[in-house]
Amino acid sequence: MQLVITAMAALAGMGFSLAVALLVEELIFGKVFRLLFAQQARQMKSGQAR
């Protein structure tokens, strides 16, 4: 049981770290989310929905 809790804590920590890294990158450069949303908008215009 302790191993499961440790694994969950490690995965949560890595996920949080990734989220903070993306947020900081977005604040500094501002390109990641713009690229993601531009691709989705292009797909919706051409009729390809995910």
N, C-alpha and C. Protein backbone atom coordinates (compact mmCIF):
# COMPACT_ATOMS: atom_id res chain seq x y z
N MET A 1 0.82 -1.20 0.00
CA MET A 1 0.00 0.00 0.00
C MET A 1 0.87 1.26 0.00
N GLN A 2 1.96 1.20 0.72
CA GLN A 2 2.86 2.35 0.76
C GLN A 2 3.48 2.61 -0.62
N LEU A 3 3.74 1.54 -1.36
CA LEU A 3 4.29 1.68 -2.71
C LEU A 3 3.30 2.38 -3.63
N VAL A 4 2.02 2.06 -3.49
CA VAL A 4 0.99 2.70 -4.32
C VAL A 4 0.91 4.19 -4.00
N ILE A 5 0.92 4.53 -2.73
CA ILE A 5 0.86 5.94 -2.32
C ILE A 5 2.10 6.68 -2.81
N THR A 6 3.26 6.06 -2.73
CA THR A 6 4.49 6.68 -3.21
C THR A 6 4.44 6.91 -4.71
N ALA A 7 3.94 5.92 -5.45
CA ALA A 7 3.83 6.05 -6.90
C ALA A 7 2.85 7.16 -7.27
N MET A 8 1.72 7.24 -6.57
CA MET A 8 0.75 8.30 -6.83
C MET A 8 1.34 9.67 -6.56
N ALA A 9 2.09 9.79 -5.47
CA ALA A 9 2.72 11.07 -5.13
C ALA A 9 3.76 11.45 -6.19
N ALA A 10 4.51 10.48 -6.67
CA ALA A 10 5.52 10.76 -7.70
C ALA A 10 4.85 11.20 -9.00
N LEU A 11 3.78 10.51 -9.42
CA LEU A 11 3.08 10.89 -10.64
C LEU A 11 2.42 12.26 -10.50
N ALA A 12 1.84 12.53 -9.35
CA ALA A 12 1.23 13.85 -9.13
C ALA A 12 2.29 14.95 -9.16
N GLY A 13 3.43 14.68 -8.57
CA GLY A 13 4.52 15.66 -8.59
C GLY A 13 5.02 15.94 -9.99
N MET A 14 5.15 14.89 -10.79
CA MET A 14 5.62 15.08 -12.17
C MET A 14 4.57 15.84 -13.00
N GLY A 15 3.30 15.52 -12.79
CA GLY A 15 2.24 16.23 -13.50
C GLY A 15 2.18 17.70 -13.12
N PHE A 16 2.33 17.98 -11.84
CA PHE A 16 2.34 19.37 -11.37
C PHE A 16 3.54 20.11 -11.93
N SER A 17 4.68 19.45 -11.94
CA SER A 17 5.89 20.07 -12.48
C SER A 17 5.73 20.40 -13.96
N LEU A 18 5.13 19.49 -14.72
CA LEU A 18 4.89 19.74 -16.13
C LEU A 18 3.93 20.90 -16.34
N ALA A 19 2.88 20.96 -15.52
CA ALA A 19 1.91 22.04 -15.63
C ALA A 19 2.55 23.39 -15.34
N VAL A 20 3.38 23.47 -14.31
CA VAL A 20 4.06 24.72 -13.97
C VAL A 20 5.05 25.10 -15.07
N ALA A 21 5.76 24.11 -15.62
CA ALA A 21 6.72 24.40 -16.69
C ALA A 21 6.00 24.94 -17.92
N LEU A 22 4.86 24.36 -18.28
CA LEU A 22 4.10 24.87 -19.42
C LEU A 22 3.56 26.27 -19.17
N LEU A 23 3.11 26.52 -17.95
CA LEU A 23 2.60 27.85 -17.61
C LEU A 23 3.70 28.90 -17.71
N VAL A 24 4.87 28.59 -17.18
CA VAL A 24 6.00 29.53 -17.23
C VAL A 24 6.43 29.76 -18.67
N GLU A 25 6.49 28.69 -19.45
CA GLU A 25 6.88 28.83 -20.85
C GLU A 25 5.86 29.69 -21.59
N GLU A 26 4.59 29.49 -21.30
CA GLU A 26 3.55 30.28 -21.96
C GLU A 26 3.66 31.75 -21.56
N LEU A 27 3.95 32.02 -20.31
CA LEU A 27 4.08 33.40 -19.87
C LEU A 27 5.30 34.07 -20.51
N ILE A 28 6.37 33.32 -20.72
CA ILE A 28 7.59 33.90 -21.29
C ILE A 28 7.49 34.03 -22.80
N PHE A 29 7.11 32.95 -23.47
CA PHE A 29 7.14 32.94 -24.94
C PHE A 29 5.75 33.11 -25.56
N GLY A 30 4.73 32.53 -24.95
CA GLY A 30 3.36 32.69 -25.42
C GLY A 30 3.04 32.03 -26.74
N LYS A 31 3.64 30.89 -27.03
CA LYS A 31 3.42 30.26 -28.33
C LYS A 31 2.76 28.89 -28.25
N VAL A 32 2.91 28.18 -27.16
CA VAL A 32 2.46 26.79 -27.08
C VAL A 32 0.95 26.69 -27.27
N PHE A 33 0.18 27.42 -26.46
CA PHE A 33 -1.27 27.30 -26.52
C PHE A 33 -1.81 27.87 -27.82
N ARG A 34 -1.17 28.91 -28.34
CA ARG A 34 -1.60 29.49 -29.61
C ARG A 34 -1.48 28.45 -30.73
N LEU A 35 -0.40 27.68 -30.72
CA LEU A 35 -0.23 26.64 -31.74
C LEU A 35 -1.27 25.54 -31.59
N LEU A 36 -1.52 25.12 -30.36
CA LEU A 36 -2.51 24.06 -30.13
C LEU A 36 -3.90 24.49 -30.57
N PHE A 37 -4.29 25.71 -30.19
CA PHE A 37 -5.63 26.16 -30.53
C PHE A 37 -5.75 26.47 -32.01
N ALA A 38 -4.68 26.90 -32.66
CA ALA A 38 -4.72 27.17 -34.10
C ALA A 38 -4.95 25.87 -34.87
N GLN A 39 -4.33 24.78 -34.43
CA GLN A 39 -4.52 23.49 -35.10
C GLN A 39 -5.96 23.02 -34.94
N GLN A 40 -6.54 23.19 -33.75
CA GLN A 40 -7.92 22.77 -33.53
C GLN A 40 -8.87 23.62 -34.36
N ALA A 41 -8.62 24.91 -34.46
CA ALA A 41 -9.49 25.79 -35.23
C ALA A 41 -9.43 25.43 -36.71
N ARG A 42 -8.23 25.10 -37.21
CA ARG A 42 -8.09 24.70 -38.61
C ARG A 42 -8.88 23.43 -38.89
N GLN A 43 -8.82 22.47 -37.96
CA GLN A 43 -9.53 21.22 -38.15
C GLN A 43 -11.04 21.45 -38.13
N MET A 44 -11.50 22.34 -37.28
CA MET A 44 -12.94 22.60 -37.20
C MET A 44 -13.42 23.31 -38.46
N LYS A 45 -12.61 24.20 -39.03
CA LYS A 45 -13.01 24.89 -40.25
C LYS A 45 -13.11 23.94 -41.43
N SER A 46 -12.22 22.95 -41.46
CA SER A 46 -12.25 22.01 -42.59
C SER A 46 -13.23 20.86 -42.35
N GLY A 47 -13.93 20.87 -41.23
CA GLY A 47 -14.94 19.88 -40.96
C GLY A 47 -14.44 18.62 -40.27
N GLN A 48 -13.20 18.63 -39.82
CA GLN A 48 -12.65 17.48 -39.13
C GLN A 48 -12.71 17.73 -37.63
N ALA A 49 -13.62 17.11 -36.96
CA ALA A 49 -13.74 17.27 -35.50
C ALA A 49 -13.05 16.09 -34.84
N ARG A 50 -12.45 16.34 -33.68
CA ARG A 50 -11.78 15.27 -32.93
C ARG A 50 -12.77 14.44 -32.18
